[in-house]
Amino acid sequence: MRSIFTFLCFLITLSMAGSLQAQTSGVPQPPRTLGSIERFKPEFDKLVGADAKIEILADGFTWSEGPLWMGDAKNGYLLFTDIPRNSIFSWSTGHGISLFMQPSGYTGVTYYGLEPGANGLLKDSNGNLVMCEHGDRRVSVLTPNGGKRSLADNYKGKRLNSPNDGVLKSNGDIYFTDPPYGLPMRENDPRRELDHFGVYRISKATGELTLITTELARPNGIGFSPDEKTLYVAQSDPNKAIWMAFPVKDDGTVGPGKLFYDATDQVGKHPGLPDGLSVDTNGNVWASGPGGIYVFNSQGILLGRIYTGDRTSNCCFGEDGSSLFITANSNLCRIRTNAVGVDFAKQASSK
């Protein structure tokens, strides 16, 4: 069964790669685009130019997620997940789409629901790939010499639900969310062992797993402000579709959260829910929500929306730090911005 599935993934990958190559070979063609740009505040014009378009780089995925830029602008590449296919794909300008890893988040031998693969991706302090794995219910790191090492798979002896998304703090600690979405029956799954859906921290110094908060019923996307004094967490609950801001204490724990933005009134009007997010160097938050990517300033004021018109899962900055890559349902997209991702500034300052 697994060999057949792998072969099908290979055929699909070839099809997508061929489609992308057809767009970039022969007579130059304008990129395919989708959606529109919605401008709510004048400040948004400084972030996204008047001529900006949402380009479709590749399509045909089942549910694209977890975009992460690896390397520099010249030699780098994008990784992203397709959770139902239990796969990680890569994309670069010169090579298009290729299969990077399969399986990505579930190594069992029995059926494990519709979303068994890895979800969110991030890099650890050494630049190694870290994966939030649904099916294997862990946070893992891909070691330089081959194979994975588990960073966290249980809290006080009870298995995690399905790690969803993570972010690296400058001291090397990893913060991640653990909702029920990767469990085959979600919150009602008999394999569930914890009585909460939490946000956690993995200490780089000790490897200890600490429960940070259980305030959110469905924690999802996660990110730090540039000064790391605020932790943003999205909640993908249709009845309370919000983003929260938690003050980060000196010891790495957080205080009570405050409402950052409430998009519940947009649920049903536009497809999707609050999901993954990224932050730029000026503290603006670029967050997937109903209809596309919401762009907030650091005070939680909605400046604009990159409207994909589809369920939009996540985004990240890449290439020179100002290209925003977007995973929207079956599509991998890109939009040029005038912002720079905070991770790129941190990388530059560490060199």
C-alpha atoms as a PDB file:
ATOM      1  CA  MET A   1       0.000   0.000   0.000  1.00  0.00           C
ATOM      2  CA  ARG A   2       2.748   2.453   0.931  1.00  0.00           C
ATOM      3  CA  SER A   3       4.707   1.734  -2.274  1.00  0.00           C
ATOM      4  CA  ILE A   4       1.583   2.435  -4.359  1.00  0.00           C
ATOM      5  CA  PHE A   5       0.982   5.667  -2.462  1.00  0.00           C
ATOM      6  CA  THR A   6       4.609   6.726  -2.950  1.00  0.00           C
ATOM      7  CA  PHE A   7       4.356   5.983  -6.691  1.00  0.00           C
ATOM      8  CA  LEU A   8       1.185   8.078  -6.969  1.00  0.00           C
ATOM      9  CA  CYS A   9       2.905  10.952  -5.155  1.00  0.00           C
ATOM     10  CA  PHE A  10       5.794  10.640  -7.607  1.00  0.00           C
ATOM     11  CA  LEU A  11       3.450  10.842 -10.606  1.00  0.00           C
ATOM     12  CA  ILE A  12       1.646  13.838  -9.140  1.00  0.00           C
ATOM     13  CA  THR A  13       4.975  15.526  -8.460  1.00  0.00           C
ATOM     14  CA  LEU A  14       6.078  14.998 -12.060  1.00  0.00           C
ATOM     15  CA  SER A  15       2.780  16.425 -13.271  1.00  0.00           C
ATOM     16  CA  MET A  16       3.120  19.537 -11.124  1.00  0.00           C
ATOM     17  CA  ALA A  17       6.755  19.993 -12.061  1.00  0.00           C
ATOM     18  CA  GLY A  18       5.930  19.628 -15.740  1.00  0.00           C
ATOM     19  CA  SER A  19       3.137  22.168 -15.451  1.00  0.00           C
ATOM     20  CA  LEU A  20       5.442  24.670 -13.793  1.00  0.00           C
ATOM     21  CA  GLN A  21       8.166  24.034 -16.368  1.00  0.00           C
ATOM     22  CA  ALA A  22       5.686  24.615 -19.174  1.00  0.00           C
ATOM     23  CA  GLN A  23       4.993  28.051 -17.745  1.00  0.00           C
ATOM     24  CA  THR A  24       8.656  29.013 -17.663  1.00  0.00           C
ATOM     25  CA  SER A  25       9.921  27.483 -20.949  1.00  0.00           C
ATOM     26  CA  GLY A  26       9.500  28.632 -24.510  1.00  0.00           C
ATOM     27  CA  VAL A  27       7.643  31.899 -25.016  1.00  0.00           C
ATOM     28  CA  PRO A  28       7.523  33.868 -21.740  1.00  0.00           C
ATOM     29  CA  GLN A  29       4.041  33.917 -20.271  1.00  0.00           C
ATOM     30  CA  PRO A  30       2.654  36.137 -17.549  1.00  0.00           C
ATOM     31  CA  PRO A  31       2.293  34.315 -14.234  1.00  0.00           C
ATOM     32  CA  ARG A  32      -1.084  32.947 -13.314  1.00  0.00           C
ATOM     33  CA  THR A  33      -2.689  34.960 -10.552  1.00  0.00           C
ATOM     34  CA  LEU A  34      -5.639  34.763  -8.209  1.00  0.00           C
ATOM     35  CA  GLY A  35      -7.541  36.926  -5.758  1.00  0.00           C
ATOM     36  CA  SER A  36      -7.161  40.619  -5.077  1.00  0.00           C
ATOM     37  CA  ILE A  37      -5.562  43.091  -2.680  1.00  0.00           C
ATOM     38  CA  GLU A  38      -7.826  44.867  -0.187  1.00  0.00           C
ATOM     39  CA  ARG A  39      -6.529  48.121   1.334  1.00  0.00           C
ATOM     40  CA  PHE A  40      -8.130  49.290   4.565  1.00  0.00           C
ATOM     41  CA  LYS A  41      -5.547  51.740   5.914  1.00  0.00           C
ATOM     42  CA  PRO A  42      -3.052  54.050   4.125  1.00  0.00           C
ATOM     43  CA  GLU A  43      -0.154  52.348   5.918  1.00  0.00           C
ATOM     44  CA  PHE A  44      -0.824  49.207   3.890  1.00  0.00           C
ATOM     45  CA  ASP A  45       0.316  50.955   0.692  1.00  0.00           C
ATOM     46  CA  LYS A  46       3.835  51.082   2.136  1.00  0.00           C
ATOM     47  CA  LEU A  47       3.795  47.320   2.657  1.00  0.00           C
ATOM     48  CA  VAL A  48       2.233  46.091  -0.589  1.00  0.00           C
ATOM     49  CA  GLY A  49       2.729  48.001  -3.837  1.00  0.00           C
ATOM     50  CA  ALA A  50      -0.130  49.085  -6.075  1.00  0.00           C
ATOM     51  CA  ASP A  51       0.966  46.655  -8.797  1.00  0.00           C
ATOM     52  CA  ALA A  52       1.366  43.617  -6.512  1.00  0.00           C
ATOM     53  CA  LYS A  53      -0.277  40.381  -7.655  1.00  0.00           C
ATOM     54  CA  ILE A  54      -0.841  37.018  -6.018  1.00  0.00           C
ATOM     55  CA  GLU A  55       1.120  34.659  -8.288  1.00  0.00           C
ATOM     56  CA  ILE A  56       0.342  30.954  -8.463  1.00  0.00           C
ATOM     57  CA  LEU A  57       3.676  29.128  -8.441  1.00  0.00           C
ATOM     58  CA  ALA A  58       2.229  25.618  -8.416  1.00  0.00           C
ATOM     59  CA  ASP A  59      -1.080  23.885  -7.783  1.00  0.00           C
ATOM     60  CA  GLY A  60      -2.628  20.435  -7.525  1.00  0.00           C
ATOM     61  CA  PHE A  61      -1.867  19.831  -3.849  1.00  0.00           C
ATOM     62  CA  THR A  62      -4.394  18.331  -1.456  1.00  0.00           C
ATOM     63  CA  TRP A  63      -3.896  20.761   1.453  1.00  0.00           C
ATOM     64  CA  SER A  64      -0.734  22.847   1.365  1.00  0.00           C
ATOM     65  CA  GLU A  65       0.716  24.112   4.646  1.00  0.00           C
ATOM     66  CA  GLY A  66       3.848  24.989   6.622  1.00  0.00           C
ATOM     67  CA  PRO A  67       5.916  27.131   4.191  1.00  0.00           C
ATOM     68  CA  LEU A  68       9.519  27.703   5.270  1.00  0.00           C
ATOM     69  CA  TRP A  69      12.378  29.348   3.381  1.00  0.00           C
ATOM     70  CA  MET A  70      15.723  27.568   3.610  1.00  0.00           C
ATOM     71  CA  GLY A  71      19.014  29.236   2.707  1.00  0.00           C
ATOM     72  CA  ASP A  72      19.679  32.618   1.114  1.00  0.00           C
ATOM     73  CA  ALA A  73      18.039  34.451  -1.783  1.00  0.00           C
ATOM     74  CA  LYS A  74      20.426  33.096  -4.422  1.00  0.00           C
ATOM     75  CA  ASN A  75      20.717  29.438  -3.455  1.00  0.00           C
ATOM     76  CA  GLY A  76      17.717  28.995  -1.190  1.00  0.00           C
ATOM     77  CA  TYR A  77      14.492  27.069  -1.649  1.00  0.00           C
ATOM     78  CA  LEU A  78      11.050  26.834  -0.124  1.00  0.00           C
ATOM     79  CA  LEU A  79       9.773  23.824   1.791  1.00  0.00           C
ATOM     80  CA  PHE A  80       6.077  23.273   2.438  1.00  0.00           C
ATOM     81  CA  THR A  81       3.880  20.412   3.519  1.00  0.00           C
ATOM     82  CA  ASP A  82       0.958  18.582   1.986  1.00  0.00           C
ATOM     83  CA  ILE A  83      -0.582  17.104   5.104  1.00  0.00           C
ATOM     84  CA  PRO A  84      -3.015  14.557   3.581  1.00  0.00           C
ATOM     85  CA  ARG A  85      -0.242  13.205   1.337  1.00  0.00           C
ATOM     86  CA  ASN A  86       2.114  12.845   4.297  1.00  0.00           C
ATOM     87  CA  SER A  87       4.705  14.727   2.246  1.00  0.00           C
ATOM     88  CA  ILE A  88       7.011  17.735   2.187  1.00  0.00           C
ATOM     89  CA  PHE A  89       7.672  19.417  -1.159  1.00  0.00           C
ATOM     90  CA  SER A  90      10.329  21.906  -2.179  1.00  0.00           C
ATOM     91  CA  TRP A  91      10.172  24.784  -4.652  1.00  0.00           C
ATOM     92  CA  SER A  92      12.814  27.027  -6.176  1.00  0.00           C
ATOM     93  CA  THR A  93      12.910  29.318  -9.177  1.00  0.00           C
ATOM     94  CA  GLY A  94      15.327  27.145 -11.100  1.00  0.00           C
ATOM     95  CA  HIS A  95      13.915  23.714 -10.299  1.00  0.00           C
ATOM     96  CA  GLY A  96      10.213  24.193  -9.670  1.00  0.00           C
ATOM     97  CA  ILE A  97       8.480  21.564  -7.548  1.00  0.00           C
ATOM     98  CA  SER A  98      10.057  18.367  -6.251  1.00  0.00           C
ATOM     99  CA  LEU A  99       9.252  15.861  -3.529  1.00  0.00           C
ATOM    100  CA  PHE A 100      11.501  16.508  -0.537  1.00  0.00           C
ATOM    101  CA  MET A 101      10.296  13.937   2.016  1.00  0.00           C
ATOM    102  CA  GLN A 102       7.686  11.201   2.221  1.00  0.00           C
ATOM    103  CA  PRO A 103       6.552  10.130   4.754  1.00  0.00           C
ATOM    104  CA  SER A 104       6.784  13.434   6.589  1.00  0.00           C
ATOM    105  CA  GLY A 105       4.775  13.077   9.781  1.00  0.00           C
ATOM    106  CA  TYR A 106       3.368   9.558  10.069  1.00  0.00           C
ATOM    107  CA  THR A 107       5.397   6.369   9.916  1.00  0.00           C
ATOM    108  CA  GLY A 108       2.758   3.900  11.085  1.00  0.00           C
ATOM    109  CA  VAL A 109       1.386   1.015   9.052  1.00  0.00           C
ATOM    110  CA  THR A 110      -2.359   1.520   9.597  1.00  0.00           C
ATOM    111  CA  TYR A 111      -4.770   4.166   8.363  1.00  0.00           C
ATOM    112  CA  TYR A 112      -4.462   7.349  10.402  1.00  0.00           C
ATOM    113  CA  GLY A 113      -7.129   9.771   9.254  1.00  0.00           C
ATOM    114  CA  LEU A 114      -7.134  12.451   6.578  1.00  0.00           C
ATOM    115  CA  GLU A 115      -4.281  14.612   7.910  1.00  0.00           C
ATOM    116  CA  PRO A 116      -1.427  12.315   8.970  1.00  0.00           C
ATOM    117  CA  GLY A 117       1.569  14.267   7.684  1.00  0.00           C
ATOM    118  CA  ALA A 118       3.772  17.034   9.030  1.00  0.00           C
ATOM    119  CA  ASN A 119       2.160  20.458   9.383  1.00  0.00           C
ATOM    120  CA  GLY A 120       4.223  23.479  10.459  1.00  0.00           C
ATOM    121  CA  LEU A 121       7.939  23.687   9.683  1.00  0.00           C
ATOM    122  CA  LEU A 122      10.651  25.797  11.286  1.00  0.00           C
ATOM    123  CA  LYS A 123      14.420  25.857  11.740  1.00  0.00           C
ATOM    124  CA  ASP A 124      16.234  25.296  15.008  1.00  0.00           C
ATOM    125  CA  SER A 125      19.115  27.499  16.165  1.00  0.00           C
ATOM    126  CA  ASN A 126      21.528  25.450  14.034  1.00  0.00           C
ATOM    127  CA  GLY A 127      19.431  25.804  10.894  1.00  0.00           C
ATOM    128  CA  ASN A 128      18.151  22.219  10.985  1.00  0.00           C
ATOM    129  CA  LEU A 129      14.626  21.449   9.817  1.00  0.00           C
ATOM    130  CA  VAL A 130      12.103  21.023  12.657  1.00  0.00           C
ATOM    131  CA  MET A 131       8.725  19.424  11.924  1.00  0.00           C
ATOM    132  CA  CYS A 132       5.397  19.438  13.755  1.00  0.00           C
ATOM    133  CA  GLU A 133       4.197  15.907  13.029  1.00  0.00           C
ATOM    134  CA  HIS A 134       0.518  15.018  13.169  1.00  0.00           C
ATOM    135  CA  GLY A 135       0.531  11.244  12.871  1.00  0.00           C
ATOM    136  CA  ASP A 136       3.600  10.510  14.988  1.00  0.00           C
ATOM    137  CA  ARG A 137       2.368  13.147  17.470  1.00  0.00           C
ATOM    138  CA  ARG A 138       5.712  14.788  18.041  1.00  0.00           C
ATOM    139  CA  VAL A 139       8.046  17.660  17.276  1.00  0.00           C
ATOM    140  CA  SER A 140      11.138  16.309  15.533  1.00  0.00           C
ATOM    141  CA  VAL A 141      14.351  17.599  14.000  1.00  0.00           C
ATOM    142  CA  LEU A 142      16.046  16.317  10.849  1.00  0.00           C
ATOM    143  CA  THR A 143      19.630  15.640  11.873  1.00  0.00           C
ATOM    144  CA  PRO A 144      22.476  16.705   9.545  1.00  0.00           C
ATOM    145  CA  ASN A 145      23.764  13.147   9.085  1.00  0.00           C
ATOM    146  CA  GLY A 146      20.408  11.569   8.383  1.00  0.00           C
ATOM    147  CA  GLY A 147      17.344  10.517  10.332  1.00  0.00           C
ATOM    148  CA  LYS A 148      15.108  12.341  12.760  1.00  0.00           C
ATOM    149  CA  ARG A 149      15.381  12.948  16.482  1.00  0.00           C
ATOM    150  CA  SER A 150      12.303  13.521  18.639  1.00  0.00           C
ATOM    151  CA  LEU A 151      12.332  16.794  20.538  1.00  0.00           C
ATOM    152  CA  ALA A 152       8.959  16.321  22.273  1.00  0.00           C
ATOM    153  CA  ASP A 153       6.264  13.671  22.041  1.00  0.00           C
ATOM    154  CA  ASN A 154       4.617  13.692  25.470  1.00  0.00           C
ATOM    155  CA  TYR A 155       3.730  15.958  28.344  1.00  0.00           C
ATOM    156  CA  LYS A 156       4.146  14.367  31.781  1.00  0.00           C
ATOM    157  CA  GLY A 157       3.936  10.912  30.226  1.00  0.00           C
ATOM    158  CA  LYS A 158       0.828  11.575  28.134  1.00  0.00           C
ATOM    159  CA  ARG A 159       1.182  11.720  24.365  1.00  0.00           C
ATOM    160  CA  LEU A 160       0.756  15.036  22.622  1.00  0.00           C
ATOM    161  CA  ASN A 161      -2.349  15.498  20.460  1.00  0.00           C
ATOM    162  CA  SER A 162      -0.924  16.610  17.095  1.00  0.00           C
ATOM    163  CA  PRO A 163       1.728  19.369  17.107  1.00  0.00           C
ATOM    164  CA  ASN A 164       0.608  21.954  14.587  1.00  0.00           C
ATOM    165  CA  ASP A 165       2.892  24.969  14.239  1.00  0.00           C
ATOM    166  CA  GLY A 166       6.048  26.279  15.882  1.00  0.00           C
ATOM    167  CA  VAL A 167       8.380  29.244  16.204  1.00  0.00           C
ATOM    168  CA  LEU A 168      11.997  29.625  17.301  1.00  0.00           C
ATOM    169  CA  LYS A 169      13.005  32.104  20.006  1.00  0.00           C
ATOM    170  CA  SER A 170      16.433  33.707  19.659  1.00  0.00           C
ATOM    171  CA  ASN A 171      17.752  31.772  22.684  1.00  0.00           C
ATOM    172  CA  GLY A 172      17.046  28.493  20.867  1.00  0.00           C
ATOM    173  CA  ASP A 173      13.799  27.598  22.651  1.00  0.00           C
ATOM    174  CA  ILE A 174      10.996  26.263  20.447  1.00  0.00           C
ATOM    175  CA  TYR A 175       7.358  27.207  21.087  1.00  0.00           C
ATOM    176  CA  PHE A 176       4.601  25.155  19.448  1.00  0.00           C
ATOM    177  CA  THR A 177       0.843  24.596  19.460  1.00  0.00           C
ATOM    178  CA  ASP A 178      -0.898  21.256  19.996  1.00  0.00           C
ATOM    179  CA  PRO A 179      -4.562  21.216  18.856  1.00  0.00           C
ATOM    180  CA  PRO A 180      -6.505  18.043  17.942  1.00  0.00           C
ATOM    181  CA  TYR A 181      -6.570  18.454  14.147  1.00  0.00           C
ATOM    182  CA  GLY A 182      -4.168  15.616  13.369  1.00  0.00           C
ATOM    183  CA  LEU A 183      -6.060  13.033  15.392  1.00  0.00           C
ATOM    184  CA  PRO A 184      -8.294  10.969  13.075  1.00  0.00           C
ATOM    185  CA  MET A 185     -11.400  11.819  15.150  1.00  0.00           C
ATOM    186  CA  ARG A 186      -9.985  15.101  16.430  1.00  0.00           C
ATOM    187  CA  GLU A 187     -11.141  16.028  19.946  1.00  0.00           C
ATOM    188  CA  ASN A 188     -13.288  12.881  20.172  1.00  0.00           C
ATOM    189  CA  ASP A 189     -10.503  10.491  19.232  1.00  0.00           C
ATOM    190  CA  PRO A 190     -10.085   7.613  21.709  1.00  0.00           C
ATOM    191  CA  ARG A 191      -6.294   7.882  21.277  1.00  0.00           C
ATOM    192  CA  ARG A 192      -6.309  11.332  22.823  1.00  0.00           C
ATOM    193  CA  GLU A 193      -4.519  11.333  26.194  1.00  0.00           C
ATOM    194  CA  LEU A 194      -4.376  14.999  27.279  1.00  0.00           C
ATOM    195  CA  ASP A 195      -7.382  16.907  28.590  1.00  0.00           C
ATOM    196  CA  HIS A 196      -6.267  20.207  27.036  1.00  0.00           C
ATOM    197  CA  PHE A 197      -5.001  21.737  23.788  1.00  0.00           C
ATOM    198  CA  GLY A 198      -1.953  23.692  24.773  1.00  0.00           C
ATOM    199  CA  VAL A 199       0.922  25.905  23.753  1.00  0.00           C
ATOM    200  CA  TYR A 200       4.317  24.520  24.815  1.00  0.00           C
ATOM    201  CA  ARG A 201       7.971  25.458  25.007  1.00  0.00           C
ATOM    202  CA  ILE A 202      10.951  23.147  24.442  1.00  0.00           C
ATOM    203  CA  SER A 203      13.994  24.452  26.283  1.00  0.00           C
ATOM    204  CA  LYS A 204      17.175  24.332  24.241  1.00  0.00           C
ATOM    205  CA  ALA A 205      19.285  24.272  27.408  1.00  0.00           C
ATOM    206  CA  THR A 206      17.570  21.301  29.088  1.00  0.00           C
ATOM    207  CA  GLY A 207      15.204  19.800  26.522  1.00  0.00           C
ATOM    208  CA  GLU A 208      12.410  20.176  29.080  1.00  0.00           C
ATOM    209  CA  LEU A 209       8.846  20.584  27.801  1.00  0.00           C
ATOM    210  CA  THR A 210       6.850  23.307  29.566  1.00  0.00           C
ATOM    211  CA  LEU A 211       3.136  23.980  29.181  1.00  0.00           C
ATOM    212  CA  ILE A 212       2.823  27.688  28.426  1.00  0.00           C
ATOM    213  CA  THR A 213      -0.944  28.192  28.268  1.00  0.00           C
ATOM    214  CA  THR A 214      -4.247  26.384  27.813  1.00  0.00           C
ATOM    215  CA  GLU A 215      -6.281  29.569  27.293  1.00  0.00           C
ATOM    216  CA  LEU A 216      -7.136  28.743  23.682  1.00  0.00           C
ATOM    217  CA  ALA A 217      -9.506  25.955  22.715  1.00  0.00           C
ATOM    218  CA  ARG A 218      -7.924  25.538  19.255  1.00  0.00           C
ATOM    219  CA  PRO A 219      -4.400  27.014  19.219  1.00  0.00           C
ATOM    220  CA  ASN A 220      -2.849  27.065  15.778  1.00  0.00           C
ATOM    221  CA  GLY A 221      -0.418  29.541  14.172  1.00  0.00           C
ATOM    222  CA  ILE A 222       2.261  31.089  16.373  1.00  0.00           C
ATOM    223  CA  GLY A 223       4.916  33.804  16.152  1.00  0.00           C
ATOM    224  CA  PHE A 224       6.966  36.347  18.108  1.00  0.00           C
ATOM    225  CA  SER A 225       7.093  40.122  17.853  1.00  0.00           C
ATOM    226  CA  PRO A 226      10.534  41.421  16.754  1.00  0.00           C
ATOM    227  CA  ASP A 227      11.566  42.138  20.375  1.00  0.00           C
ATOM    228  CA  GLU A 228      10.147  38.744  21.475  1.00  0.00           C
ATOM    229  CA  LYS A 229       8.151  40.410  24.233  1.00  0.00           C
ATOM    230  CA  THR A 230       4.862  39.310  22.655  1.00  0.00           C
ATOM    231  CA  LEU A 231       3.799  35.849  21.537  1.00  0.00           C
ATOM    232  CA  TYR A 232       0.986  35.775  18.973  1.00  0.00           C
ATOM    233  CA  VAL A 233      -1.231  32.690  18.764  1.00  0.00           C
ATOM    234  CA  ALA A 234      -4.079  32.129  16.312  1.00  0.00           C
ATOM    235  CA  GLN A 235      -7.204  30.221  17.249  1.00  0.00           C
ATOM    236  CA  SER A 236      -8.946  28.291  14.471  1.00  0.00           C
ATOM    237  CA  ASP A 237     -12.308  27.996  16.220  1.00  0.00           C
ATOM    238  CA  PRO A 238     -15.247  29.011  13.993  1.00  0.00           C
ATOM    239  CA  ASN A 239     -17.141  30.191  17.070  1.00  0.00           C
ATOM    240  CA  LYS A 240     -14.229  32.329  18.281  1.00  0.00           C
ATOM    241  CA  ALA A 241     -11.918  32.995  15.341  1.00  0.00           C
ATOM    242  CA  ILE A 242      -9.331  35.182  17.031  1.00  0.00           C
ATOM    243  CA  TRP A 243      -5.663  36.016  17.459  1.00  0.00           C
ATOM    244  CA  MET A 244      -4.282  36.454  20.967  1.00  0.00           C
ATOM    245  CA  ALA A 245      -1.205  38.340  22.182  1.00  0.00           C
ATOM    246  CA  PHE A 246       0.624  36.973  25.226  1.00  0.00           C
ATOM    247  CA  PRO A 247       3.244  39.010  27.129  1.00  0.00           C
ATOM    248  CA  VAL A 248       6.454  37.000  27.348  1.00  0.00           C
ATOM    249  CA  LYS A 249       8.179  37.039  30.740  1.00  0.00           C
ATOM    250  CA  ASP A 250      11.940  37.016  31.314  1.00  0.00           C
ATOM    251  CA  ASP A 251      11.851  33.305  32.185  1.00  0.00           C
ATOM    252  CA  GLY A 252      10.155  32.438  28.867  1.00  0.00           C
ATOM    253  CA  THR A 253       6.696  31.835  30.285  1.00  0.00           C
ATOM    254  CA  VAL A 254       3.768  34.080  29.370  1.00  0.00           C
ATOM    255  CA  GLY A 255       1.227  36.190  31.208  1.00  0.00           C
ATOM    256  CA  PRO A 256      -2.537  36.216  30.552  1.00  0.00           C
ATOM    257  CA  GLY A 257      -3.362  36.714  26.897  1.00  0.00           C
ATOM    258  CA  LYS A 258      -5.094  39.753  25.426  1.00  0.00           C
ATOM    259  CA  LEU A 259      -7.328  39.797  22.372  1.00  0.00           C
ATOM    260  CA  PHE A 260      -5.316  40.976  19.367  1.00  0.00           C
ATOM    261  CA  TYR A 261      -8.015  40.713  16.694  1.00  0.00           C
ATOM    262  CA  ASP A 262     -11.416  39.038  16.329  1.00  0.00           C
ATOM    263  CA  ALA A 263     -12.461  37.806  12.867  1.00  0.00           C
ATOM    264  CA  THR A 264     -15.428  35.714  13.965  1.00  0.00           C
ATOM    265  CA  ASP A 265     -17.810  37.913  11.972  1.00  0.00           C
ATOM    266  CA  GLN A 266     -15.920  36.941   8.806  1.00  0.00           C
ATOM    267  CA  VAL A 267     -16.401  33.194   9.311  1.00  0.00           C
ATOM    268  CA  GLY A 268     -18.863  31.870   6.745  1.00  0.00           C
ATOM    269  CA  LYS A 269     -18.608  35.009   4.644  1.00  0.00           C
ATOM    270  CA  HIS A 270     -15.175  33.952   3.415  1.00  0.00           C
ATOM    271  CA  PRO A 271     -13.508  30.510   3.395  1.00  0.00           C
ATOM    272  CA  GLY A 272     -11.026  29.583   6.102  1.00  0.00           C
ATOM    273  CA  LEU A 273     -10.111  30.349   9.712  1.00  0.00           C
ATOM    274  CA  PRO A 274      -7.169  31.893  11.577  1.00  0.00           C
ATOM    275  CA  ASP A 275      -4.188  29.636  10.968  1.00  0.00           C
ATOM    276  CA  GLY A 276      -0.458  30.222  10.376  1.00  0.00           C
ATOM    277  CA  LEU A 277       1.263  33.597  10.634  1.00  0.00           C
ATOM    278  CA  SER A 278       4.511  35.509  10.093  1.00  0.00           C
ATOM    279  CA  VAL A 279       5.864  38.782  11.462  1.00  0.00           C
ATOM    280  CA  ASP A 280       7.914  41.447   9.680  1.00  0.00           C
ATOM    281  CA  THR A 281      10.734  43.610  11.031  1.00  0.00           C
ATOM    282  CA  ASN A 282       8.368  46.479  11.843  1.00  0.00           C
ATOM    283  CA  GLY A 283       6.145  44.256  13.962  1.00  0.00           C
ATOM    284  CA  ASN A 284       3.328  43.856  11.448  1.00  0.00           C
ATOM    285  CA  VAL A 285       1.587  40.486  11.645  1.00  0.00           C
ATOM    286  CA  TRP A 286       0.760  38.661   8.402  1.00  0.00           C
ATOM    287  CA  ALA A 287      -1.791  36.024   9.337  1.00  0.00           C
ATOM    288  CA  SER A 288      -3.997  33.614   7.432  1.00  0.00           C
ATOM    289  CA  GLY A 289      -7.687  33.986   8.188  1.00  0.00           C
ATOM    290  CA  PRO A 290     -11.080  33.917   6.472  1.00  0.00           C
ATOM    291  CA  GLY A 291     -10.472  34.800   2.828  1.00  0.00           C
ATOM    292  CA  GLY A 292      -6.693  35.118   2.815  1.00  0.00           C
ATOM    293  CA  ILE A 293      -3.822  36.854   4.596  1.00  0.00           C
ATOM    294  CA  TYR A 294      -4.731  39.570   7.126  1.00  0.00           C
ATOM    295  CA  VAL A 295      -2.084  42.212   7.736  1.00  0.00           C
ATOM    296  CA  PHE A 296      -2.166  43.873  11.168  1.00  0.00           C
ATOM    297  CA  ASN A 297       0.091  46.459  12.734  1.00  0.00           C
ATOM    298  CA  SER A 298       1.514  45.746  16.179  1.00  0.00           C
ATOM    299  CA  GLN A 299      -1.561  47.329  17.837  1.00  0.00           C
ATOM    300  CA  GLY A 300      -3.891  44.829  16.165  1.00  0.00           C
ATOM    301  CA  ILE A 301      -5.314  47.277  13.601  1.00  0.00           C
ATOM    302  CA  LEU A 302      -6.212  45.615  10.312  1.00  0.00           C
ATOM    303  CA  LEU A 303      -4.303  47.403   7.545  1.00  0.00           C
ATOM    304  CA  GLY A 304      -5.227  45.242   4.579  1.00  0.00           C
ATOM    305  CA  ARG A 305      -5.992  41.772   3.346  1.00  0.00           C
ATOM    306  CA  ILE A 306      -4.362  39.711   0.626  1.00  0.00           C
ATOM    307  CA  TYR A 307      -7.561  38.107  -0.585  1.00  0.00           C
ATOM    308  CA  THR A 308      -7.019  34.665  -2.098  1.00  0.00           C
ATOM    309  CA  GLY A 309     -10.716  33.835  -2.030  1.00  0.00           C
ATOM    310  CA  ASP A 310      -9.859  30.348  -0.801  1.00  0.00           C
ATOM    311  CA  ARG A 311      -9.027  28.560   2.433  1.00  0.00           C
ATOM    312  CA  THR A 312      -5.588  29.909   3.254  1.00  0.00           C
ATOM    313  CA  SER A 313      -3.429  27.999   5.700  1.00  0.00           C
ATOM    314  CA  ASN A 314      -0.134  29.812   6.195  1.00  0.00           C
ATOM    315  CA  CYS A 315       2.528  32.209   4.937  1.00  0.00           C
ATOM    316  CA  CYS A 316       6.229  32.943   5.279  1.00  0.00           C
ATOM    317  CA  PHE A 317       8.786  35.422   3.974  1.00  0.00           C
ATOM    318  CA  GLY A 318      11.453  34.121   1.628  1.00  0.00           C
ATOM    319  CA  GLU A 319      13.965  34.765  -1.157  1.00  0.00           C
ATOM    320  CA  ASP A 320      15.455  38.172  -0.226  1.00  0.00           C
ATOM    321  CA  GLY A 321      13.142  38.363   2.792  1.00  0.00           C
ATOM    322  CA  SER A 322      10.424  40.415   1.120  1.00  0.00           C
ATOM    323  CA  SER A 323       8.613  37.775  -0.946  1.00  0.00           C
ATOM    324  CA  LEU A 324       5.615  36.420   0.942  1.00  0.00           C
ATOM    325  CA  PHE A 325       4.886  32.785   0.115  1.00  0.00           C
ATOM    326  CA  ILE A 326       1.301  31.691   0.754  1.00  0.00           C
ATOM    327  CA  THR A 327      -0.207  28.220   0.989  1.00  0.00           C
ATOM    328  CA  ALA A 328      -3.855  28.453  -0.058  1.00  0.00           C
ATOM    329  CA  ASN A 329      -5.715  25.162  -0.237  1.00  0.00           C
ATOM    330  CA  SER A 330      -4.310  23.377  -3.339  1.00  0.00           C
ATOM    331  CA  ASN A 331      -2.062  26.289  -4.352  1.00  0.00           C
ATOM    332  CA  LEU A 332       1.394  27.572  -3.599  1.00  0.00           C
ATOM    333  CA  CYS A 333       1.441  31.341  -4.149  1.00  0.00           C
ATOM    334  CA  ARG A 334       3.766  34.318  -3.848  1.00  0.00           C
ATOM    335  CA  ILE A 335       3.334  38.067  -3.565  1.00  0.00           C
ATOM    336  CA  ARG A 336       6.084  40.676  -3.576  1.00  0.00           C
ATOM    337  CA  THR A 337       6.035  43.042  -0.601  1.00  0.00           C
ATOM    338  CA  ASN A 338       7.980  46.009   0.733  1.00  0.00           C
ATOM    339  CA  ALA A 339       8.303  44.328   4.126  1.00  0.00           C
ATOM    340  CA  VAL A 340      11.074  42.040   5.375  1.00  0.00           C
ATOM    341  CA  GLY A 341      10.437  38.992   7.528  1.00  0.00           C
ATOM    342  CA  VAL A 342      11.770  39.257  11.049  1.00  0.00           C
ATOM    343  CA  ASP A 343      13.633  35.951  10.691  1.00  0.00           C
ATOM    344  CA  PHE A 344      15.748  37.412   7.895  1.00  0.00           C
ATOM    345  CA  ALA A 345      16.798  40.351  10.050  1.00  0.00           C
ATOM    346  CA  LYS A 346      17.791  37.953  12.834  1.00  0.00           C
ATOM    347  CA  GLN A 347      19.845  35.851  10.414  1.00  0.00           C
ATOM    348  CA  ALA A 348      21.620  38.942   9.082  1.00  0.00           C
ATOM    349  CA  SER A 349      22.453  40.217  12.562  1.00  0.00           C
ATOM    350  CA  SER A 350      23.884  36.830  13.593  1.00  0.00           C
ATOM    351  CA  LYS A 351      26.377  36.717  10.697  1.00  0.00           C
END
